[in-house]
Amino acid sequence: MAITMNSFSSFWVNESFDLLIALGDSYEMFAAVASTVPFNIPVAHIHGGETTLGAIDNVFRHCITSMAEYHFTACDQYKKRVIDIKGTDKGVFNVGALSIDTLASMKFLTIEAFYKKYQIDLSKPTILFTFHPETVSYQKNERYIITLIEALEELKQYQIIITMPNADTMGNVIRNYLKSFIINNSNAFGIESFGSLDYLSCMKYCSFMLGNTSSGFVEASWFPKAVVNVGDRQKGRIITKNIYSTPIEKKLILSAIQRIKNEKGKTVQPIYGKGDTSKIMIGLIKQIKAKKVHD
């Protein structure tokens, strides 16, 4: 973080910027945005107002919101939270989520194309599994992944596609347990990282998602795709009707999966936009520029 802040400060001092657009909530994004403050560079923040109580990103996200002048939120509820943080609605806009733009225009891989690339047949009942560490209570992650694997071992009727965890604290511990599970279970497949198109294609065709990835909230609601969201990493996010949240306990996880099977076909009201977020943002940025020129 210190290196990032120092590097960006050297960059800002030699250049002139009208607006910095910052997306998300990572610690390196926080460092980059924090470095703009002494230079009075206006910042537009995308995805502010969201809450993830089980990850340290929550702190960084709200700090970026405090430092930013303009805010492009993914839904009305997040807009209201930004207004609460800032104490004003000036410069706060609900525009929807950019990922919905991507989904609305994306040409997904066919089942045949996916099989040719990965030798995984998505016409079979499939679980898409992604579990990242909980960085607030990181000491518990080893117990969590052991419990999740115990649940996965009960799901022999599915093929399980596992994408690997990120680089957060305890990520390597989780990774090692998952690698061992993949080696010892013929119905499990490990993928380091699909990339956007292949991951979303897998999401489209899978039976349901299991884990604690943020894609189980915004992107999954668009299809919609059922999600078993485990633990507290995403705690605080909006729970749409396709999401079944549960503590990381084997019995409760298996019960949530049974509920998905029983409630198949449930309708979900989209709340993250219609696929025109980028157009709305461009229009607002032009308005901001015009106002500044006028002022």
Protein backbone atom coordinates (compact mmCIF):
# COMPACT_ATOMS: atom_id res chain seq x y z
CA MET A 1 0.00 0.00 0.00
CA ALA A 2 2.83 2.39 0.85
CA ILE A 3 4.62 1.63 -2.40
CA THR A 4 1.41 2.15 -4.39
CA MET A 5 0.67 5.47 -2.68
CA ASN A 6 4.21 6.70 -3.22
CA SER A 7 4.26 5.63 -6.88
CA PHE A 8 0.96 7.30 -7.70
CA SER A 9 1.94 10.49 -5.87
CA SER A 10 4.96 10.77 -8.15
CA PHE A 11 2.63 10.30 -11.11
CA TRP A 12 0.03 12.89 -10.08
CA VAL A 13 2.60 15.62 -9.40
CA ASN A 14 3.80 15.62 -13.01
CA GLU A 15 0.41 15.44 -14.74
CA SER A 16 -2.92 17.27 -14.81
CA PHE A 17 -6.24 15.39 -14.53
CA ASP A 18 -9.86 16.49 -14.71
CA LEU A 19 -11.27 13.30 -13.21
CA LEU A 20 -10.06 9.98 -11.83
CA ILE A 21 -12.47 7.04 -12.16
CA ALA A 22 -11.94 4.39 -9.48
CA LEU A 23 -13.74 1.05 -9.34
CA GLY A 24 -14.17 -1.15 -6.33
CA ASP A 25 -12.71 -1.59 -2.89
CA SER A 26 -9.30 -3.25 -2.90
CA TYR A 27 -6.45 -2.03 -0.70
CA GLU A 28 -4.38 -1.00 -3.72
CA MET A 29 -7.32 1.05 -5.06
CA PHE A 30 -7.59 2.73 -1.66
CA ALA A 31 -3.89 3.61 -1.79
CA ALA A 32 -4.17 5.03 -5.31
CA VAL A 33 -7.18 7.18 -4.42
CA ALA A 34 -5.69 8.32 -1.10
CA SER A 35 -2.66 9.60 -2.98
CA THR A 36 -4.87 12.01 -4.97
CA VAL A 37 -6.10 13.92 -1.92
CA PRO A 38 -3.12 16.33 -1.58
CA PHE A 39 -3.43 17.12 -5.29
CA ASN A 40 -7.18 17.90 -5.21
CA ILE A 41 -7.93 15.52 -8.09
CA PRO A 42 -11.69 14.86 -8.38
CA VAL A 43 -12.53 11.17 -8.04
CA ALA A 44 -15.60 9.32 -9.33
CA HIS A 45 -16.11 6.07 -7.41
CA ILE A 46 -17.91 3.06 -8.89
CA HIS A 47 -19.61 0.52 -6.55
CA GLY A 48 -19.63 2.62 -3.41
CA GLY A 49 -22.16 2.09 -0.63
CA GLU A 50 -21.87 -1.68 -0.62
CA THR A 51 -21.13 -3.60 2.56
CA THR A 52 -19.10 -6.76 3.08
CA LEU A 53 -18.70 -7.29 6.81
CA GLY A 54 -16.60 -10.42 6.40
CA ALA A 55 -13.82 -8.75 4.41
CA ILE A 56 -11.45 -5.85 5.07
CA ASP A 57 -12.52 -4.43 1.68
CA ASN A 58 -15.45 -2.91 3.56
CA VAL A 59 -13.14 -0.42 5.29
CA PHE A 60 -11.34 0.54 2.08
CA ARG A 61 -14.59 0.95 0.12
CA HIS A 62 -16.09 3.40 2.60
CA CYS A 63 -12.80 5.32 2.79
CA ILE A 64 -12.76 5.71 -1.00
CA THR A 65 -16.37 6.93 -0.79
CA SER A 66 -15.32 9.58 1.72
CA MET A 67 -12.50 10.76 -0.55
CA ALA A 68 -14.53 10.72 -3.79
CA GLU A 69 -16.53 13.66 -5.14
CA TYR A 70 -18.81 11.67 -7.47
CA HIS A 71 -20.43 8.29 -6.92
CA PHE A 72 -21.88 5.77 -9.36
CA THR A 73 -23.74 3.16 -7.31
CA ALA A 74 -25.21 -0.17 -8.42
CA CYS A 75 -28.70 0.23 -6.91
CA ASP A 76 -30.88 2.57 -4.86
CA GLN A 77 -30.02 0.99 -1.51
CA TYR A 78 -26.31 1.53 -2.08
CA LYS A 79 -26.99 5.10 -3.22
CA LYS A 80 -28.73 5.78 0.10
CA ARG A 81 -25.75 4.39 2.02
CA VAL A 82 -23.33 6.65 0.13
CA ILE A 83 -25.55 9.63 0.96
CA ASP A 84 -25.42 8.58 4.63
CA ILE A 85 -21.62 8.37 4.52
CA LYS A 86 -21.17 11.68 2.69
CA GLY A 87 -23.97 13.56 4.43
CA THR A 88 -25.24 14.88 1.09
CA ASP A 89 -26.82 13.58 -2.11
CA LYS A 90 -24.71 15.91 -4.24
CA GLY A 91 -22.79 13.95 -6.88
CA VAL A 92 -24.41 10.61 -5.93
CA PHE A 93 -26.04 8.68 -8.80
CA ASN A 94 -27.64 5.23 -9.04
CA VAL A 95 -26.54 3.97 -12.46
CA GLY A 96 -26.68 0.18 -12.09
CA ALA A 97 -23.77 -2.25 -12.32
CA LEU A 98 -21.31 -2.22 -15.22
CA SER A 99 -21.16 -6.02 -15.14
CA ILE A 100 -24.79 -6.11 -16.29
CA ASP A 101 -23.74 -4.21 -19.42
CA THR A 102 -21.21 -6.95 -20.06
CA LEU A 103 -23.76 -9.70 -19.50
CA ALA A 104 -26.36 -8.06 -21.72
CA SER A 105 -23.95 -7.87 -24.65
CA MET A 106 -21.90 -11.02 -24.08
CA LYS A 107 -21.87 -13.95 -26.50
CA PHE A 108 -21.45 -16.87 -24.12
CA LEU A 109 -19.62 -20.06 -24.98
CA THR A 110 -21.89 -22.90 -26.01
CA ILE A 111 -21.83 -26.10 -23.99
CA GLU A 112 -19.97 -27.71 -26.89
CA ALA A 113 -17.35 -24.94 -27.07
CA PHE A 114 -16.86 -25.06 -23.30
CA TYR A 115 -16.32 -28.84 -23.45
CA LYS A 116 -13.80 -28.49 -26.30
CA LYS A 117 -11.80 -26.01 -24.23
CA TYR A 118 -11.96 -27.64 -20.78
CA GLN A 119 -13.22 -31.21 -21.32
CA ILE A 120 -16.05 -30.43 -18.88
CA ASP A 121 -19.60 -31.24 -19.96
CA LEU A 122 -21.92 -28.52 -18.64
CA SER A 123 -24.99 -30.47 -19.75
CA LYS A 124 -24.45 -32.56 -16.61
CA PRO A 125 -25.65 -31.32 -13.18
CA THR A 126 -22.88 -28.93 -12.14
CA ILE A 127 -21.88 -26.88 -9.12
CA LEU A 128 -19.72 -23.79 -9.67
CA PHE A 129 -17.68 -23.40 -6.47
CA THR A 130 -15.62 -20.39 -5.40
CA PHE A 131 -14.57 -19.74 -1.80
CA HIS A 132 -12.35 -16.82 -0.80
CA PRO A 133 -10.94 -16.32 2.71
CA GLU A 134 -12.88 -14.34 5.28
CA THR A 135 -10.28 -11.70 6.04
CA VAL A 136 -11.89 -10.37 9.22
CA SER A 137 -11.91 -13.74 11.02
CA TYR A 138 -9.07 -15.21 8.97
CA GLN A 139 -8.03 -17.73 11.67
CA LYS A 140 -11.25 -19.68 11.04
CA ASN A 141 -10.65 -20.26 7.32
CA GLU A 142 -9.01 -23.66 7.71
CA ARG A 143 -12.03 -24.95 9.65
CA TYR A 144 -14.33 -23.39 7.06
CA ILE A 145 -12.73 -25.10 4.07
CA ILE A 146 -12.67 -28.46 5.87
CA THR A 147 -16.41 -28.12 6.52
CA LEU A 148 -17.11 -27.11 2.92
CA ILE A 149 -15.17 -30.08 1.59
CA GLU A 150 -17.14 -32.38 3.87
CA ALA A 151 -20.32 -30.98 2.28
CA LEU A 152 -18.91 -31.34 -1.25
CA GLU A 153 -18.12 -35.00 -0.57
CA GLU A 154 -21.86 -35.60 -0.06
CA LEU A 155 -22.67 -34.22 -3.55
CA LYS A 156 -21.47 -37.06 -5.78
CA GLN A 157 -24.49 -36.56 -8.08
CA TYR A 158 -22.92 -33.30 -9.30
CA GLN A 159 -19.71 -32.48 -11.07
CA ILE A 160 -18.00 -29.73 -9.11
CA ILE A 161 -16.06 -26.99 -10.89
CA ILE A 162 -13.73 -25.27 -8.44
CA THR A 163 -12.11 -21.91 -9.15
CA MET A 164 -9.22 -21.06 -6.88
CA PRO A 165 -9.28 -18.46 -4.07
CA ASN A 166 -7.74 -15.01 -4.30
CA ALA A 167 -4.54 -13.84 -2.60
CA ASP A 168 -6.16 -12.72 0.66
CA THR A 169 -4.79 -13.97 4.00
CA MET A 170 -5.12 -17.79 4.30
CA GLY A 171 -5.80 -18.14 0.57
CA ASN A 172 -2.98 -20.67 0.14
CA VAL A 173 -4.33 -22.83 2.96
CA ILE A 174 -7.72 -23.00 1.23
CA ARG A 175 -6.02 -23.66 -2.11
CA ASN A 176 -4.08 -26.65 -0.77
CA TYR A 177 -7.20 -28.28 0.70
CA LEU A 178 -9.06 -27.79 -2.59
CA LYS A 179 -6.21 -29.23 -4.65
CA SER A 180 -6.21 -32.34 -2.48
CA PHE A 181 -9.99 -32.67 -2.86
CA ILE A 182 -9.73 -32.36 -6.66
CA ILE A 183 -7.03 -35.02 -6.85
CA ASN A 184 -9.10 -37.46 -4.78
CA ASN A 185 -12.51 -36.91 -6.40
CA SER A 186 -13.14 -37.74 -10.04
CA ASN A 187 -16.22 -35.49 -10.17
CA ALA A 188 -14.17 -32.38 -9.22
CA PHE A 189 -12.38 -30.07 -11.66
CA GLY A 190 -9.95 -27.32 -10.67
CA ILE A 191 -9.55 -24.11 -12.66
CA GLU A 192 -7.10 -21.44 -11.55
CA SER A 193 -9.00 -18.66 -13.29
CA PHE A 194 -11.52 -18.88 -16.14
CA GLY A 195 -11.43 -15.26 -17.22
CA SER A 196 -14.66 -13.31 -17.54
CA LEU A 197 -16.27 -14.93 -20.59
CA ASP A 198 -15.61 -18.53 -19.60
CA TYR A 199 -16.56 -17.98 -15.95
CA LEU A 200 -19.87 -16.36 -16.86
CA SER A 201 -20.55 -19.07 -19.46
CA CYS A 202 -20.01 -21.66 -16.73
CA MET A 203 -22.33 -19.68 -14.46
CA LYS A 204 -25.01 -19.64 -17.14
CA TYR A 205 -25.13 -23.44 -17.49
CA CYS A 206 -24.35 -24.64 -13.96
CA SER A 207 -27.08 -25.98 -11.68
CA PHE A 208 -26.19 -23.51 -8.93
CA MET A 209 -23.28 -21.65 -7.36
CA LEU A 210 -21.71 -22.41 -3.99
CA GLY A 211 -19.25 -20.27 -2.05
CA ASN A 212 -18.81 -16.62 -1.15
CA THR A 213 -17.89 -14.74 -4.30
CA SER A 214 -19.38 -11.31 -5.05
CA SER A 215 -20.34 -12.56 -8.53
CA GLY A 216 -23.02 -14.59 -6.77
CA PHE A 217 -24.80 -11.33 -6.01
CA VAL A 218 -24.76 -9.02 -9.04
CA GLU A 219 -24.02 -11.30 -12.00
CA ALA A 220 -25.95 -14.30 -10.71
CA SER A 221 -29.09 -12.19 -10.23
CA TRP A 222 -29.11 -11.33 -13.94
CA PHE A 223 -29.49 -14.89 -15.25
CA PRO A 224 -30.88 -15.54 -12.55
CA LYS A 225 -28.80 -18.34 -11.04
CA ALA A 226 -29.36 -19.91 -7.63
CA VAL A 227 -26.56 -19.30 -5.15
CA VAL A 228 -25.67 -20.92 -1.84
CA ASN A 229 -23.80 -18.06 -0.17
CA VAL A 230 -21.80 -19.29 2.82
CA GLY A 231 -20.33 -17.46 5.78
CA ASP A 232 -19.87 -13.75 6.36
CA ARG A 233 -17.54 -12.53 3.61
CA GLN A 234 -20.44 -10.97 1.69
CA LYS A 235 -22.54 -10.17 4.77
CA GLY A 236 -24.22 -6.80 4.30
CA ARG A 237 -24.88 -7.14 0.57
CA ILE A 238 -28.45 -7.18 -0.73
CA ILE A 239 -29.93 -10.69 -0.69
CA THR A 240 -32.07 -11.23 -3.79
CA LYS A 241 -34.45 -14.19 -4.02
CA ASN A 242 -31.95 -16.38 -5.87
CA ILE A 243 -29.52 -16.29 -2.93
CA TYR A 244 -29.66 -18.79 -0.06
CA SER A 245 -27.35 -17.60 2.71
CA THR A 246 -26.14 -20.01 5.36
CA PRO A 247 -23.44 -20.33 8.03
CA ILE A 248 -20.57 -22.63 7.15
CA GLU A 249 -22.07 -25.78 8.64
CA LYS A 250 -22.36 -28.98 6.64
CA LYS A 251 -25.98 -29.73 7.56
CA LEU A 252 -27.15 -26.20 6.76
CA ILE A 253 -25.29 -26.08 3.44
CA LEU A 254 -26.85 -29.35 2.30
CA SER A 255 -30.25 -28.10 3.47
CA ALA A 256 -29.86 -24.93 1.38
CA ILE A 257 -29.02 -27.03 -1.68
CA GLN A 258 -32.17 -29.09 -1.12
CA ARG A 259 -34.21 -25.87 -0.93
CA ILE A 260 -32.81 -24.81 -4.30
CA LYS A 261 -33.97 -28.11 -5.80
CA ASN A 262 -37.42 -27.71 -4.23
CA GLU A 263 -37.87 -24.07 -5.28
CA LYS A 264 -36.53 -24.30 -8.84
CA GLY A 265 -37.99 -21.66 -11.12
CA LYS A 266 -38.28 -18.87 -8.53
CA THR A 267 -38.54 -15.43 -10.18
CA VAL A 268 -36.05 -12.69 -9.34
CA GLN A 269 -36.61 -8.96 -9.80
CA PRO A 270 -33.46 -7.35 -11.28
CA ILE A 271 -32.16 -4.41 -9.22
CA TYR A 272 -28.76 -3.70 -10.80
CA GLY A 273 -29.80 -2.04 -14.06
CA LYS A 274 -30.83 -3.00 -17.56
CA GLY A 275 -27.46 -3.09 -19.32
CA ASP A 276 -27.18 0.64 -20.05
CA THR A 277 -24.99 1.63 -17.08
CA SER A 278 -22.03 2.76 -19.20
CA LYS A 279 -24.24 5.06 -21.30
CA ILE A 280 -25.71 6.61 -18.15
CA MET A 281 -22.24 7.13 -16.67
CA ILE A 282 -20.91 8.73 -19.85
CA GLY A 283 -23.85 11.12 -19.90
CA LEU A 284 -23.29 12.09 -16.26
CA ILE A 285 -19.55 12.60 -16.78
CA LYS A 286 -20.28 14.90 -19.71
CA GLN A 287 -22.69 16.86 -17.52
CA ILE A 288 -20.04 17.12 -14.80
CA LYS A 289 -17.49 18.38 -17.32
CA ALA A 290 -19.92 20.90 -18.79
CA LYS A 291 -20.79 22.23 -15.34
CA LYS A 292 -17.14 22.63 -14.39
CA VAL A 293 -16.42 24.50 -17.65
CA HIS A 294 -19.42 26.76 -17.00
CA ASP A 295 -18.37 27.39 -13.38
